[in-house]
Amino acid sequence: SGPQPPWTTKRVFFFRNKGGALAIETGAYDPLLGYSYA
């Protein structure tokens, strides 16, 4: 118990170095920033 009410997280992932079920592309270029996220 504490100052914050209970919270239910909707989904939990493990990070994988390779071969995970979900692949996220971080190399996309963002013209607003002038960089890719990688």
PDB file of all heavy atoms in Angstrom:
ATOM      1  N   SER A   1       0.839  -1.186   0.000  1.00  0.00           N
ATOM      2  CA  SER A   1       0.000   0.000   0.000  1.00  0.00           C
ATOM      3  C   SER A   1       0.883   1.249   0.000  1.00  0.00           C
ATOM      4  O   SER A   1       1.969   1.274   0.570  1.00  0.00           O
ATOM      5  CB  SER A   1      -0.904   0.011   1.235  1.00  0.00           C
ATOM      6  OG  SER A   1      -0.133   0.021   2.421  1.00  0.00           O
ATOM      7  N   GLY A   2       0.427   2.281  -0.662  1.00  0.00           N
ATOM      8  CA  GLY A   2       1.190   3.516  -0.764  1.00  0.00           C
ATOM      9  C   GLY A   2       0.319   4.617  -1.323  1.00  0.00           C
ATOM     10  O   GLY A   2      -0.912   4.472  -1.418  1.00  0.00           O
ATOM     11  N   PRO A   3       0.936   5.736  -1.698  1.00  0.00           N
ATOM     12  CA  PRO A   3       0.147   6.882  -2.173  1.00  0.00           C
ATOM     13  C   PRO A   3      -0.518   6.664  -3.520  1.00  0.00           C
ATOM     14  O   PRO A   3      -1.492   7.349  -3.846  1.00  0.00           O
ATOM     15  CB  PRO A   3       1.189   8.009  -2.244  1.00  0.00           C
ATOM     16  CG  PRO A   3       2.502   7.300  -2.426  1.00  0.00           C
ATOM     17  CD  PRO A   3       2.371   6.022  -1.657  1.00  0.00           C
ATOM     18  N   GLN A   4       0.012   5.724  -4.321  1.00  0.00           N
ATOM     19  CA  GLN A   4      -0.535   5.500  -5.653  1.00  0.00           C
ATOM     20  C   GLN A   4      -1.490   4.310  -5.654  1.00  0.00           C
ATOM     21  O   GLN A   4      -1.237   3.306  -4.985  1.00  0.00           O
ATOM     22  CB  GLN A   4       0.597   5.248  -6.657  1.00  0.00           C
ATOM     23  CG  GLN A   4       1.600   6.388  -6.757  1.00  0.00           C
ATOM     24  CD  GLN A   4       0.991   7.641  -7.349  1.00  0.00           C
ATOM     25  OE1 GLN A   4      -0.012   7.587  -8.059  1.00  0.00           O
ATOM     26  NE2 GLN A   4       1.600   8.777  -7.061  1.00  0.00           N
ATOM     27  N   PRO A   5      -2.568   4.380  -6.434  1.00  0.00           N
ATOM     28  CA  PRO A   5      -3.495   3.245  -6.520  1.00  0.00           C
ATOM     29  C   PRO A   5      -2.882   2.102  -7.316  1.00  0.00           C
ATOM     30  O   PRO A   5      -1.888   2.285  -8.033  1.00  0.00           O
ATOM     31  CB  PRO A   5      -4.706   3.842  -7.251  1.00  0.00           C
ATOM     32  CG  PRO A   5      -4.128   4.947  -8.083  1.00  0.00           C
ATOM     33  CD  PRO A   5      -3.001   5.526  -7.267  1.00  0.00           C
ATOM     34  N   PRO A   6      -3.439   0.892  -7.212  1.00  0.00           N
ATOM     35  CA  PRO A   6      -2.937  -0.240  -8.001  1.00  0.00           C
ATOM     36  C   PRO A   6      -2.977   0.077  -9.497  1.00  0.00           C
ATOM     37  O   PRO A   6      -3.799   0.868  -9.958  1.00  0.00           O
ATOM     38  CB  PRO A   6      -3.898  -1.375  -7.639  1.00  0.00           C
ATOM     39  CG  PRO A   6      -4.435  -1.000  -6.300  1.00  0.00           C
ATOM     40  CD  PRO A   6      -4.536   0.499  -6.302  1.00  0.00           C
ATOM     41  N   TRP A   7      -2.067  -0.547 -10.225  1.00  0.00           N
ATOM     42  CA  TRP A   7      -1.991  -0.332 -11.674  1.00  0.00           C
ATOM     43  C   TRP A   7      -1.763  -1.659 -12.374  1.00  0.00           C
ATOM     44  O   TRP A   7      -0.884  -2.436 -11.987  1.00  0.00           O
ATOM     45  CB  TRP A   7      -0.858   0.627 -12.034  1.00  0.00           C
ATOM     46  CG  TRP A   7      -0.705   0.781 -13.526  1.00  0.00           C
ATOM     47  CD1 TRP A   7       0.229   0.215 -14.335  1.00  0.00           C
ATOM     48  CD2 TRP A   7      -1.554   1.558 -14.387  1.00  0.00           C
ATOM     49  NE1 TRP A   7       0.032   0.585 -15.642  1.00  0.00           N
ATOM     50  CE2 TRP A   7      -1.061   1.410 -15.706  1.00  0.00           C
ATOM     51  CE3 TRP A   7      -2.676   2.355 -14.172  1.00  0.00           C
ATOM     52  CZ2 TRP A   7      -1.645   2.033 -16.790  1.00  0.00           C
ATOM     53  CZ3 TRP A   7      -3.265   2.978 -15.267  1.00  0.00           C
ATOM     54  CH2 TRP A   7      -2.758   2.822 -16.551  1.00  0.00           C
ATOM     55  N   THR A   8      -2.554  -1.908 -13.427  1.00  0.00           N
ATOM     56  CA  THR A   8      -2.427  -3.130 -14.201  1.00  0.00           C
ATOM     57  C   THR A   8      -1.744  -2.834 -15.527  1.00  0.00           C
ATOM     58  O   THR A   8      -2.287  -2.106 -16.371  1.00  0.00           O
ATOM     59  CB  THR A   8      -3.807  -3.768 -14.454  1.00  0.00           C
ATOM     60  OG1 THR A   8      -4.419  -4.067 -13.199  1.00  0.00           O
ATOM     61  CG2 THR A   8      -3.666  -5.051 -15.260  1.00  0.00           C
ATOM     62  N   THR A   9      -0.552  -3.365 -15.698  1.00  0.00           N
ATOM     63  CA  THR A   9       0.172  -3.241 -16.967  1.00  0.00           C
ATOM     64  C   THR A   9      -0.460  -4.177 -17.986  1.00  0.00           C
ATOM     65  O   THR A   9      -0.780  -5.325 -17.678  1.00  0.00           O
ATOM     66  CB  THR A   9       1.660  -3.600 -16.761  1.00  0.00           C
ATOM     67  OG1 THR A   9       2.217  -2.680 -15.822  1.00  0.00           O
ATOM     68  CG2 THR A   9       2.425  -3.533 -18.060  1.00  0.00           C
ATOM     69  N   LYS A  10      -0.626  -3.697 -19.182  1.00  0.00           N
ATOM     70  CA  LYS A  10      -1.370  -4.467 -20.183  1.00  0.00           C
ATOM     71  C   LYS A  10      -0.530  -5.537 -20.875  1.00  0.00           C
ATOM     72  O   LYS A  10      -1.055  -6.541 -21.348  1.00  0.00           O
ATOM     73  CB  LYS A  10      -1.965  -3.503 -21.212  1.00  0.00           C
ATOM     74  CG  LYS A  10      -2.950  -2.501 -20.587  1.00  0.00           C
ATOM     75  CD  LYS A  10      -3.419  -1.476 -21.597  1.00  0.00           C
ATOM     76  CE  LYS A  10      -4.413  -0.505 -20.963  1.00  0.00           C
ATOM     77  NZ  LYS A  10      -3.811   0.294 -19.875  1.00  0.00           N
ATOM     78  N   ARG A  11       0.802  -5.327 -20.950  1.00  0.00           N
ATOM     79  CA  ARG A  11       1.636  -6.277 -21.688  1.00  0.00           C
ATOM     80  C   ARG A  11       3.076  -6.172 -21.195  1.00  0.00           C
ATOM     81  O   ARG A  11       3.552  -5.079 -20.897  1.00  0.00           O
ATOM     82  CB  ARG A  11       1.553  -5.974 -23.192  1.00  0.00           C
ATOM     83  CG  ARG A  11       2.148  -7.024 -24.094  1.00  0.00           C
ATOM     84  CD  ARG A  11       1.820  -6.704 -25.561  1.00  0.00           C
ATOM     85  NE  ARG A  11       0.398  -6.854 -25.841  1.00  0.00           N
ATOM     86  CZ  ARG A  11      -0.327  -6.011 -26.563  1.00  0.00           C
ATOM     87  NH1 ARG A  11       0.228  -4.932 -27.076  1.00  0.00           N
ATOM     88  NH2 ARG A  11      -1.605  -6.242 -26.791  1.00  0.00           N
ATOM     89  N   VAL A  12       3.753  -7.314 -21.109  1.00  0.00           N
ATOM     90  CA  VAL A  12       5.140  -7.361 -20.647  1.00  0.00           C
ATOM     91  C   VAL A  12       5.986  -8.088 -21.692  1.00  0.00           C
ATOM     92  O   VAL A  12       5.588  -9.145 -22.207  1.00  0.00           O
ATOM     93  CB  VAL A  12       5.264  -8.079 -19.285  1.00  0.00           C
ATOM     94  CG1 VAL A  12       6.717  -8.021 -18.781  1.00  0.00           C
ATOM     95  CG2 VAL A  12       4.324  -7.453 -18.257  1.00  0.00           C
ATOM     96  N   PHE A  13       7.170  -7.521 -21.980  1.00  0.00           N
ATOM     97  CA  PHE A  13       8.086  -8.118 -22.946  1.00  0.00           C
ATOM     98  C   PHE A  13       9.443  -8.382 -22.300  1.00  0.00           C
ATOM     99  O   PHE A  13       9.876  -7.655 -21.403  1.00  0.00           O
ATOM    100  CB  PHE A  13       8.316  -7.172 -24.133  1.00  0.00           C
ATOM    101  CG  PHE A  13       7.138  -7.012 -25.044  1.00  0.00           C
ATOM    102  CD1 PHE A  13       6.216  -5.990 -24.846  1.00  0.00           C
ATOM    103  CD2 PHE A  13       6.945  -7.873 -26.118  1.00  0.00           C
ATOM    104  CE1 PHE A  13       5.141  -5.828 -25.696  1.00  0.00           C
ATOM    105  CE2 PHE A  13       5.864  -7.722 -26.978  1.00  0.00           C
ATOM    106  CZ  PHE A  13       4.960  -6.704 -26.760  1.00  0.00           C
ATOM    107  N   PHE A  14      10.113  -9.406 -22.805  1.00  0.00           N
ATOM    108  CA  PHE A  14      11.535  -9.610 -22.553  1.00  0.00           C
ATOM    109  C   PHE A  14      12.302  -9.064 -23.751  1.00  0.00           C
ATOM    110  O   PHE A  14      11.907  -9.257 -24.907  1.00  0.00           O
ATOM    111  CB  PHE A  14      11.878 -11.098 -22.395  1.00  0.00           C
ATOM    112  CG  PHE A  14      11.434 -11.700 -21.102  1.00  0.00           C
ATOM    113  CD1 PHE A  14      10.703 -12.885 -21.098  1.00  0.00           C
ATOM    114  CD2 PHE A  14      11.757 -11.104 -19.892  1.00  0.00           C
ATOM    115  CE1 PHE A  14      10.295 -13.462 -19.905  1.00  0.00           C
ATOM    116  CE2 PHE A  14      11.354 -11.674 -18.692  1.00  0.00           C
ATOM    117  CZ  PHE A  14      10.619 -12.854 -18.696  1.00  0.00           C
ATOM    118  N   PHE A  15      13.426  -8.412 -23.474  1.00  0.00           N
ATOM    119  CA  PHE A  15      14.309  -7.959 -24.542  1.00  0.00           C
ATOM    120  C   PHE A  15      15.123  -9.149 -25.050  1.00  0.00           C
ATOM    121  O   PHE A  15      15.592  -9.971 -24.265  1.00  0.00           O
ATOM    122  CB  PHE A  15      15.240  -6.871 -24.000  1.00  0.00           C
ATOM    123  CG  PHE A  15      16.159  -6.287 -25.030  1.00  0.00           C
ATOM    124  CD1 PHE A  15      15.784  -5.183 -25.770  1.00  0.00           C
ATOM    125  CD2 PHE A  15      17.415  -6.840 -25.261  1.00  0.00           C
ATOM    126  CE1 PHE A  15      16.634  -4.646 -26.723  1.00  0.00           C
ATOM    127  CE2 PHE A  15      18.271  -6.319 -26.204  1.00  0.00           C
ATOM    128  CZ  PHE A  15      17.875  -5.209 -26.938  1.00  0.00           C
ATOM    129  N   ARG A  16      15.305  -9.241 -26.364  1.00  0.00           N
ATOM    130  CA  ARG A  16      16.120 -10.298 -26.961  1.00  0.00           C
ATOM    131  C   ARG A  16      17.216  -9.677 -27.821  1.00  0.00           C
ATOM    132  O   ARG A  16      16.975  -8.684 -28.515  1.00  0.00           O
ATOM    133  CB  ARG A  16      15.261 -11.211 -27.845  1.00  0.00           C
ATOM    134  CG  ARG A  16      14.118 -11.914 -27.130  1.00  0.00           C
ATOM    135  CD  ARG A  16      14.620 -12.932 -26.131  1.00  0.00           C
ATOM    136  NE  ARG A  16      13.517 -13.721 -25.583  1.00  0.00           N
ATOM    137  CZ  ARG A  16      13.637 -14.552 -24.548  1.00  0.00           C
ATOM    138  NH1 ARG A  16      14.819 -14.687 -23.965  1.00  0.00           N
ATOM    139  NH2 ARG A  16      12.607 -15.240 -24.114  1.00  0.00           N
ATOM    140  N   ASN A  17      18.382 -10.244 -27.792  1.00  0.00           N
ATOM    141  CA  ASN A  17      19.457  -9.755 -28.650  1.00  0.00           C
ATOM    142  C   ASN A  17      19.204 -10.086 -30.117  1.00  0.00           C
ATOM    143  O   ASN A  17      19.650  -9.385 -31.019  1.00  0.00           O
ATOM    144  CB  ASN A  17      20.797 -10.337 -28.203  1.00  0.00           C
ATOM    145  CG  ASN A  17      21.246  -9.737 -26.886  1.00  0.00           C
ATOM    146  OD1 ASN A  17      21.029  -8.560 -26.637  1.00  0.00           O
ATOM    147  ND2 ASN A  17      21.843 -10.536 -26.037  1.00  0.00           N
ATOM    148  N   LYS A  18      18.488 -11.184 -30.352  1.00  0.00           N
ATOM    149  CA  LYS A  18      18.124 -11.538 -31.721  1.00  0.00           C
ATOM    150  C   LYS A  18      16.975 -12.547 -31.671  1.00  0.00           C
ATOM    151  O   LYS A  18      16.758 -13.232 -30.672  1.00  0.00           O
ATOM    152  CB  LYS A  18      19.309 -12.135 -32.474  1.00  0.00           C
ATOM    153  CG  LYS A  18      19.894 -13.389 -31.822  1.00  0.00           C
ATOM    154  CD  LYS A  18      21.086 -13.905 -32.616  1.00  0.00           C
ATOM    155  CE  LYS A  18      21.676 -15.155 -31.966  1.00  0.00           C
ATOM    156  NZ  LYS A  18      22.825 -15.671 -32.731  1.00  0.00           N
ATOM    157  N   GLY A  19      16.210 -12.575 -32.751  1.00  0.00           N
ATOM    158  CA  GLY A  19      15.221 -13.617 -32.931  1.00  0.00           C
ATOM    159  C   GLY A  19      13.979 -13.544 -32.082  1.00  0.00           C
ATOM    160  O   GLY A  19      13.320 -14.553 -31.872  1.00  0.00           O
ATOM    161  N   GLY A  20      13.606 -12.383 -31.574  1.00  0.00           N
ATOM    162  CA  GLY A  20      12.377 -12.275 -30.807  1.00  0.00           C
ATOM    163  C   GLY A  20      11.149 -12.307 -31.696  1.00  0.00           C
ATOM    164  O   GLY A  20      11.227 -12.165 -32.922  1.00  0.00           O
ATOM    165  N   ALA A  21       9.967 -12.472 -31.078  1.00  0.00           N
ATOM    166  CA  ALA A  21       8.726 -12.552 -31.843  1.00  0.00           C
ATOM    167  C   ALA A  21       8.381 -11.224 -32.503  1.00  0.00           C
ATOM    168  O   ALA A  21       7.705 -11.185 -33.528  1.00  0.00           O
ATOM    169  CB  ALA A  21       7.590 -12.994 -30.922  1.00  0.00           C
ATOM    170  N   LEU A  22       8.847 -10.133 -31.923  1.00  0.00           N
ATOM    171  CA  LEU A  22       8.513  -8.800 -32.423  1.00  0.00           C
ATOM    172  C   LEU A  22       9.803  -8.072 -32.784  1.00  0.00           C
ATOM    173  O   LEU A  22      10.706  -7.932 -31.957  1.00  0.00           O
ATOM    174  CB  LEU A  22       7.747  -8.025 -31.347  1.00  0.00           C
ATOM    175  CG  LEU A  22       7.013  -6.760 -31.778  1.00  0.00           C
ATOM    176  CD1 LEU A  22       5.906  -7.099 -32.774  1.00  0.00           C
ATOM    177  CD2 LEU A  22       6.428  -6.059 -30.561  1.00  0.00           C
ATOM    178  N   ALA A  23       9.905  -7.627 -34.025  1.00  0.00           N
ATOM    179  CA  ALA A  23      11.083  -6.881 -34.487  1.00  0.00           C
ATOM    180  C   ALA A  23      10.712  -5.408 -34.614  1.00  0.00           C
ATOM    181  O   ALA A  23       9.732  -5.059 -35.279  1.00  0.00           O
ATOM    182  CB  ALA A  23      11.571  -7.414 -35.825  1.00  0.00           C
ATOM    183  N   ILE A  24      11.487  -4.535 -33.974  1.00  0.00           N
ATOM    184  CA  ILE A  24      11.242  -3.095 -34.006  1.00  0.00           C
ATOM    185  C   ILE A  24      12.413  -2.428 -34.714  1.00  0.00           C
ATOM    186  O   ILE A  24      13.571  -2.619 -34.349  1.00  0.00           O
ATOM    187  CB  ILE A  24      11.092  -2.526 -32.583  1.00  0.00           C
ATOM    188  CG1 ILE A  24       9.867  -3.158 -31.901  1.00  0.00           C
ATOM    189  CG2 ILE A  24      10.957  -1.008 -32.614  1.00  0.00           C
ATOM    190  CD1 ILE A  24       9.696  -2.747 -30.462  1.00  0.00           C
ATOM    191  N   GLU A  25      12.123  -1.652 -35.729  1.00  0.00           N
ATOM    192  CA  GLU A  25      13.154  -0.986 -36.519  1.00  0.00           C
ATOM    193  C   GLU A  25      13.501   0.361 -35.874  1.00  0.00           C
ATOM    194  O   GLU A  25      12.706   1.297 -35.888  1.00  0.00           O
ATOM    195  CB  GLU A  25      12.666  -0.765 -37.952  1.00  0.00           C
ATOM    196  CG  GLU A  25      13.668  -0.041 -38.847  1.00  0.00           C
ATOM    197  CD  GLU A  25      14.993  -0.767 -38.904  1.00  0.00           C
ATOM    198  OE1 GLU A  25      15.068  -1.826 -39.553  1.00  0.00           O
ATOM    199  OE2 GLU A  25      15.951  -0.260 -38.294  1.00  0.00           O
ATOM    200  N   THR A  26      14.701   0.437 -35.282  1.00  0.00           N
ATOM    201  CA  THR A  26      15.149   1.691 -34.668  1.00  0.00           C
ATOM    202  C   THR A  26      16.024   2.513 -35.602  1.00  0.00           C
ATOM    203  O   THR A  26      16.474   3.598 -35.230  1.00  0.00           O
ATOM    204  CB  THR A  26      15.931   1.415 -33.363  1.00  0.00           C
ATOM    205  OG1 THR A  26      17.166   0.766 -33.686  1.00  0.00           O
ATOM    206  CG2 THR A  26      15.127   0.555 -32.413  1.00  0.00           C
ATOM    207  N   GLY A  27      16.269   2.002 -36.805  1.00  0.00           N
ATOM    208  CA  GLY A  27      17.140   2.709 -37.741  1.00  0.00           C
ATOM    209  C   GLY A  27      16.417   3.707 -38.618  1.00  0.00           C
ATOM    210  O   GLY A  27      17.043   4.313 -39.493  1.00  0.00           O
ATOM    211  N   ALA A  28      15.106   3.907 -38.383  1.00  0.00           N
ATOM    212  CA  ALA A  28      14.351   4.855 -39.203  1.00  0.00           C
ATOM    213  C   ALA A  28      14.851   6.279 -38.976  1.00  0.00           C
ATOM    214  O   ALA A  28      15.123   6.685 -37.843  1.00  0.00           O
ATOM    215  CB  ALA A  28      12.863   4.755 -38.872  1.00  0.00           C
ATOM    216  N   TYR A  29      14.944   7.053 -40.036  1.00  0.00           N
ATOM    217  CA  TYR A  29      15.417   8.436 -39.971  1.00  0.00           C
ATOM    218  C   TYR A  29      14.269   9.361 -39.602  1.00  0.00           C
ATOM    219  O   TYR A  29      13.170   9.261 -40.151  1.00  0.00           O
ATOM    220  CB  TYR A  29      16.011   8.845 -41.311  1.00  0.00           C
ATOM    221  CG  TYR A  29      16.432  10.298 -41.392  1.00  0.00           C
ATOM    222  CD1 TYR A  29      17.570  10.737 -40.720  1.00  0.00           C
ATOM    223  CD2 TYR A  29      15.683  11.207 -42.129  1.00  0.00           C
ATOM    224  CE1 TYR A  29      17.955  12.066 -40.793  1.00  0.00           C
ATOM    225  CE2 TYR A  29      16.072  12.540 -42.216  1.00  0.00           C
ATOM    226  CZ  TYR A  29      17.198  12.967 -41.535  1.00  0.00           C
ATOM    227  OH  TYR A  29      17.578  14.281 -41.601  1.00  0.00           O
ATOM    228  N   ASP A  30      14.500  10.267 -38.657  1.00  0.00           N
ATOM    229  CA  ASP A  30      13.479  11.227 -38.237  1.00  0.00           C
ATOM    230  C   ASP A  30      13.888  12.614 -38.723  1.00  0.00           C
ATOM    231  O   ASP A  30      14.829  13.211 -38.197  1.00  0.00           O
ATOM    232  CB  ASP A  30      13.352  11.227 -36.707  1.00  0.00           C
ATOM    233  CG  ASP A  30      12.137  12.012 -36.227  1.00  0.00           C
ATOM    234  OD1 ASP A  30      11.814  13.045 -36.845  1.00  0.00           O
ATOM    235  OD2 ASP A  30      11.520  11.595 -35.229  1.00  0.00           O
ATOM    236  N   PRO A  31      13.206  13.162 -39.738  1.00  0.00           N
ATOM    237  CA  PRO A  31      13.604  14.465 -40.281  1.00  0.00           C
ATOM    238  C   PRO A  31      13.426  15.613 -39.302  1.00  0.00           C
ATOM    239  O   PRO A  31      14.083  16.648 -39.442  1.00  0.00           O
ATOM    240  CB  PRO A  31      12.694  14.628 -41.514  1.00  0.00           C
ATOM    241  CG  PRO A  31      11.541  13.716 -41.272  1.00  0.00           C
ATOM    242  CD  PRO A  31      12.072  12.575 -40.481  1.00  0.00           C
ATOM    243  N   LEU A  32      12.534  15.457 -38.306  1.00  0.00           N
ATOM    244  CA  LEU A  32      12.378  16.518 -37.310  1.00  0.00           C
ATOM    245  C   LEU A  32      13.605  16.618 -36.411  1.00  0.00           C
ATOM    246  O   LEU A  32      13.934  17.689 -35.901  1.00  0.00           O
ATOM    247  CB  LEU A  32      11.135  16.269 -36.446  1.00  0.00           C
ATOM    248  CG  LEU A  32       9.779  16.426 -37.135  1.00  0.00           C
ATOM    249  CD1 LEU A  32       8.661  16.150 -36.147  1.00  0.00           C
ATOM    250  CD2 LEU A  32       9.632  17.825 -37.720  1.00  0.00           C
ATOM    251  N   LEU A  33      14.279  15.486 -36.200  1.00  0.00           N
ATOM    252  CA  LEU A  33      15.442  15.458 -35.327  1.00  0.00           C
ATOM    253  C   LEU A  33      16.756  15.503 -36.093  1.00  0.00           C
ATOM    254  O   LEU A  33      17.783  15.898 -35.559  1.00  0.00           O
ATOM    255  CB  LEU A  33      15.417  14.189 -34.463  1.00  0.00           C
ATOM    256  CG  LEU A  33      14.206  14.028 -33.545  1.00  0.00           C
ATOM    257  CD1 LEU A  33      14.243  12.662 -32.869  1.00  0.00           C
ATOM    258  CD2 LEU A  33      14.159  15.130 -32.504  1.00  0.00           C
ATOM    259  N   GLY A  34      16.721  15.050 -37.357  1.00  0.00           N
ATOM    260  CA  GLY A  34      17.943  15.003 -38.140  1.00  0.00           C
ATOM    261  C   GLY A  34      18.793  13.782 -37.852  1.00  0.00           C
ATOM    262  O   GLY A  34      19.966  13.729 -38.231  1.00  0.00           O
ATOM    263  N   TYR A  35      18.224  12.796 -37.176  1.00  0.00           N
ATOM    264  CA  TYR A  35      18.931  11.564 -36.817  1.00  0.00           C
ATOM    265  C   TYR A  35      17.976  10.387 -36.959  1.00  0.00           C
ATOM    266  O   TYR A  35      16.752  10.555 -36.941  1.00  0.00           O
ATOM    267  CB  TYR A  35      19.391  11.589 -35.350  1.00  0.00           C
ATOM    268  CG  TYR A  35      20.437  12.605 -34.998  1.00  0.00           C
ATOM    269  CD1 TYR A  35      20.080  13.877 -34.560  1.00  0.00           C
ATOM    270  CD2 TYR A  35      21.791  12.288 -35.062  1.00  0.00           C
ATOM    271  CE1 TYR A  35      21.036  14.812 -34.203  1.00  0.00           C
ATOM    272  CE2 TYR A  35      22.760  13.209 -34.702  1.00  0.00           C
ATOM    273  CZ  TYR A  35      22.374  14.477 -34.278  1.00  0.00           C
ATOM    274  OH  TYR A  35      23.326  15.393 -33.922  1.00  0.00           O
ATOM    275  N   SER A  36      18.549   9.196 -37.034  1.00  0.00           N
ATOM    276  CA  SER A  36      17.740   8.000 -36.791  1.00  0.00           C
ATOM    277  C   SER A  36      17.787   7.733 -35.288  1.00  0.00           C
ATOM    278  O   SER A  36      18.648   8.256 -34.573  1.00  0.00           O
ATOM    279  CB  SER A  36      18.309   6.798 -37.556  1.00  0.00           C
ATOM    280  OG  SER A  36      19.519   6.344 -36.945  1.00  0.00           O
ATOM    281  N   TYR A  37      16.873   6.892 -34.806  1.00  0.00           N
ATOM    282  CA  TYR A  37      16.847   6.597 -33.369  1.00  0.00           C
ATOM    283  C   TYR A  37      18.045   5.737 -32.975  1.00  0.00           C
ATOM    284  O   TYR A  37      18.553   5.841 -31.858  1.00  0.00           O
ATOM    285  CB  TYR A  37      15.521   5.929 -33.007  1.00  0.00           C
ATOM    286  CG  TYR A  37      14.362   6.711 -33.572  1.00  0.00           C
ATOM    287  CD1 TYR A  37      13.552   6.179 -34.589  1.00  0.00           C
ATOM    288  CD2 TYR A  37      14.121   8.016 -33.156  1.00  0.00           C
ATOM    289  CE1 TYR A  37      12.539   6.924 -35.145  1.00  0.00           C
ATOM    290  CE2 TYR A  37      13.091   8.759 -33.710  1.00  0.00           C
ATOM    291  CZ  TYR A  37      12.306   8.215 -34.703  1.00  0.00           C
ATOM    292  OH  TYR A  37      11.306   8.955 -35.270  1.00  0.00           O
ATOM    293  N   ALA A  38      18.535   4.926 -33.914  1.00  0.00           N
ATOM    294  CA  ALA A  38      19.750   4.160 -33.642  1.00  0.00           C
ATOM    295  C   ALA A  38      20.957   5.087 -33.522  1.00  0.00           C
ATOM    296  O   ALA A  38      21.850   4.867 -32.697  1.00  0.00           O
ATOM    297  CB  ALA A  38      19.975   3.126 -34.739  1.00  0.00           C
TER     298      ALA A  38
END
